[in-house]
């Protein structure tokens, strides 16, 4: 039995087919014809037709790969789609797009955001986030104010995931918790709130909402012909791409945390209850189990190395990291000004306490600085009530360095596990499989494989505990830490 995940991202569509044990049987991707089809400066739009054309290429490519292995498309039991968060598309009564989709990074709805925030003050307080122009609800209001003929003709406002799912199974009127969040859905009471009526949108123009992974329908005949799929394949409710990426990394059950370190550091973890960060540095999605996924994104990450070292130098300096660490140097490795997580301080700047005249020491100390910032983030999560387990799932470019993994494991005092497949399409495949296994946690336990498992180095962990105390004190002295951290 196989499961397909389809990731509709900013640049294109990627499809993955995995078996019940997480083995990747096929994968294919396709870029969009154009990343931005808007002719207006500062506007970011994409064609929904381009989304579907890329999906057809990626999915049919996977089907062809399976056929070469003598695997029929009927073996794909279920599929799931994830997409960009905050993107919105108006469709008419026949579900044809009325305009290009307004993308998540389009900030034209600044003035509309003010009205939404005024009407949604109670919702913001209860859910722990603040509407901004990247959210879908202000974009819908912008269409109402600036394209009234489009608003009047719109039968539904769809998210990127909803449109592709509609093309696949014919059901356009259902979305999921994670995509609905930035359209103003009340995750606590599981309903569209009074905010929608207050800004005069009309509930009939918004889809019904269900949990990610719930079966919506089966592949319809036209899509089966276009993509080579079976009409017996189930189509399940999807998620945002960030949500799906966290699932692929391993953040599935209460106490699980995924730490993704690429250019920046992103933390996502599963909590039993909805937790509110007093500073609003993070916000939560809802899990199919009823638990929540709390997340935050820092300005610290791998770019601190990229700014000071050439990529071809990394291998050379990695050789010295084990012997030089702990360096005793304290660095909060910000590139540029301002921090957003685990604290909000627009004036925060990098600090260095110690001698880094030796570039080998600087390289290792920057790695340590990211690890210290990561530990500070986990302390912040505990301070607002989050449970953090002894195992941390991690992905991103930083995981290419075994030396950096050992440094981080020793600073955090946790075992680090690096999954084999960490892209969002695999997270969607897990959601597709959850309909078969009975739960997302069971699907993850069966399907997530690990490429590396790294334990703390005991003799280094004790010294890092001492250094971290000094690091946290420096941060408190220099930054506006706020909240309860």
Foldseek 3Di string as FASTA:
>chain_A
DKFKFWEQELFWIKMWIADLQQHTQFIDIDGFPDSAPDPDPLFRFAALVSHQVRVLVTLLRRQVSCVVVVHALVVHAAYEYAYAAQKKFFAAPVRHTPDTIGALSRQPLQVLLVLLCVLCVVLCVVFAAGAGSSFNQSVLLCCCVPVVVSLVRGQAMADSRLSNLCQFFVDNQEAEQANCVSNQQRLVVQGRDCSCVVSPSDPSHYHHYDHQLAFDAFGDDVNCVSRVHDRNHTYTHYHHQVVLLQVLLPQFDAQAWEWEAAQWTKIKHWHQDFFHFPQSQWGWTAHNVRIIIIMHIWQAHDVLCVVPDPPVCVVVLLVCLVVCPPVLKEKQRHDDAFIRPPAGFRGDDMDIDDDCPPVSSVVNNSLLNNLLRVLVRVVSCVQRPGRHDQEYRYYYPLVVRPSSQQSSQLLNVHKYWYWPDRGSSSSRSLSRCCVVVVHSNSSSVSRTHTPDIYHHDVVNSVVSVVSSVVNVVVCVVRGDRDGRD
